[in-house]
Protein backbone atom coordinates (compact mmCIF):
# COMPACT_ATOMS: atom_id res chain seq x y z
CA MET A 1 72.50 169.94 104.52
CA ASP A 2 73.63 169.65 101.21
CA THR A 3 75.35 165.71 100.82
CA SER A 4 78.01 167.29 98.39
CA LYS A 5 79.64 169.36 100.81
CA GLN A 6 80.07 166.55 103.37
CA PRO A 7 83.07 166.63 105.49
CA PHE A 8 85.09 163.38 104.70
CA LEU A 9 83.94 160.25 107.40
CA LYS A 10 87.03 158.82 108.89
CA SER A 11 86.41 155.12 109.83
CA LYS A 12 85.94 154.28 113.22
CA ARG A 13 88.62 151.64 112.98
CA PRO A 14 92.03 153.37 112.78
CA PHE A 15 94.12 151.41 109.69
CA LEU A 16 95.37 148.34 111.13
CA LYS A 17 98.73 147.10 109.28
CA SER A 18 98.95 143.25 108.59
CA LYS A 19 101.86 141.75 111.84
CA ARG A 20 103.86 139.99 109.36
CA SER A 21 107.25 139.42 111.14
CA PHE A 22 109.77 140.06 109.06
CA ARG A 23 112.75 137.74 110.68
CA ARG A 24 115.40 137.03 108.49
CA ARG A 25 116.20 133.06 107.93
CA LEU A 26 119.14 131.90 108.86
CA PRO A 27 121.20 130.92 105.71
CA PRO A 28 121.53 126.86 106.01
CA ILE A 29 125.67 126.85 105.58
CA GLY A 30 126.89 129.09 107.84
CA SER A 31 129.96 131.67 107.57
CA GLY A 32 132.78 129.09 109.28
CA ASP A 33 131.21 126.09 107.43
CA ARG A 34 133.23 124.97 104.87
CA ILE A 35 131.50 123.14 101.83
CA ASP A 36 134.04 120.05 101.28
CA TYR A 37 133.26 116.54 100.64
CA ARG A 38 135.13 115.60 103.62
CA ASN A 39 132.14 117.14 105.63
CA ILE A 40 129.70 114.71 105.68
CA SER A 41 127.47 116.41 108.51
CA LEU A 42 127.08 119.06 106.25
CA ILE A 43 126.63 117.29 102.83
CA SER A 44 124.01 115.09 104.36
CA ARG A 45 121.77 117.92 105.06
CA PHE A 46 121.05 118.36 101.73
CA ILE A 47 120.40 115.05 100.37
CA SER A 48 116.51 113.48 100.42
CA GLU A 49 115.52 110.80 102.22
CA GLN A 50 115.93 108.90 98.29
CA GLY A 51 119.69 109.98 98.35
CA LYS A 52 119.06 112.87 95.65
CA ILE A 53 120.45 116.27 95.49
CA LEU A 54 118.14 118.65 96.73
CA SER A 55 117.28 121.65 94.50
CA ARG A 56 118.04 125.16 95.12
CA ARG A 57 114.47 126.70 96.14
CA VAL A 58 114.33 123.71 98.65
CA ASN A 59 117.52 124.14 100.43
CA LYS A 60 117.40 128.40 99.86
CA LEU A 61 121.17 128.43 98.96
CA THR A 62 122.75 130.58 96.64
CA LEU A 63 124.01 129.30 93.16
CA LYS A 64 127.75 129.38 93.59
CA GLN A 65 126.85 127.45 97.46
CA GLN A 66 124.37 124.79 95.55
CA ARG A 67 126.97 124.54 92.96
CA LEU A 68 129.64 123.52 95.78
CA ILE A 69 127.80 121.21 97.66
CA THR A 70 126.76 119.20 94.03
CA ILE A 71 130.10 118.57 93.35
CA ALA A 72 131.21 117.20 96.83
CA ILE A 73 128.12 115.32 96.99
CA LYS A 74 129.37 113.60 93.89
CA GLN A 75 132.58 113.83 94.71
CA ALA A 76 131.80 111.92 98.04
CA ARG A 77 130.02 109.20 96.85
CA ILE A 78 132.67 108.43 94.32
CA LEU A 79 135.04 108.13 97.34
CA SER A 80 131.80 105.33 99.02
CA SER A 81 131.62 108.16 101.83
CA LEU A 82 128.21 108.57 100.69
CA PRO A 83 125.97 105.75 99.44
CA PHE A 84 124.93 106.44 96.25
CA ARG A 85 121.00 104.97 96.89
CA THR A 86 119.62 104.59 99.84
CA PHE A 87 116.96 102.25 100.53
CA ARG A 88 114.67 102.07 103.80
CA LYS A 89 114.20 98.12 104.98
CA ASN A 90 110.87 97.53 103.08
CA ASP A 91 112.60 99.33 99.78
CA LYS A 92 114.95 96.82 100.30
CA LYS A 93 112.68 93.67 100.62
CA SER A 94 110.68 94.11 97.61
CA TYR A 95 114.13 95.17 95.71
CA ARG A 96 115.50 91.62 95.90
CA LYS A 97 111.78 89.71 95.66
CA LYS A 98 111.55 91.72 91.98
CA ASP A 99 115.19 90.77 91.41
CA LYS A 100 114.68 87.21 92.20
CA LYS A 101 111.28 87.16 89.71
CA PHE A 102 113.32 88.46 87.03
CA TYR A 103 116.36 86.00 87.44
CA ARG A 104 113.82 83.23 87.54
CA LYS A 105 112.08 83.98 84.70
CA ASN A 106 115.56 84.21 82.38
CA ASP A 107 116.84 80.98 83.85
CA LYS A 108 114.17 78.89 82.91
CA LYS A 109 114.67 79.74 79.15
C-alpha cells in the first residue's frame, strides 16, 4: 500500500475542551447600593488595612464607580466618619517610640 494514499487516521482520544467555568463574577456594588459618604459599610470594603483606597483592578469596579467611591471615601474622612490612617497595635507602639526618640534628640540641643 502506498504511504501517500493512507486514509486520515483519527486520534484515539476525542478532542477534549478545557473545562473552564464561565460564571460571571458578581459586581462588588449591587444595583440597589448607593455610593455615598454615609454608607460606611460599603465604603470600608474598598479600603486596605493601612487605610489606602484600593485600585480599580483590585476592586473590579467600573471607572465611574471607582470615582464615586473615591469621592465618598474622601468626604467620609473629612467628616471624620472614617480614619485617614489605621494602625494595628504593633504599629502604634513602634510609631510612638520613634516619636519619643526624635523629641529627645531635639530637646537636648
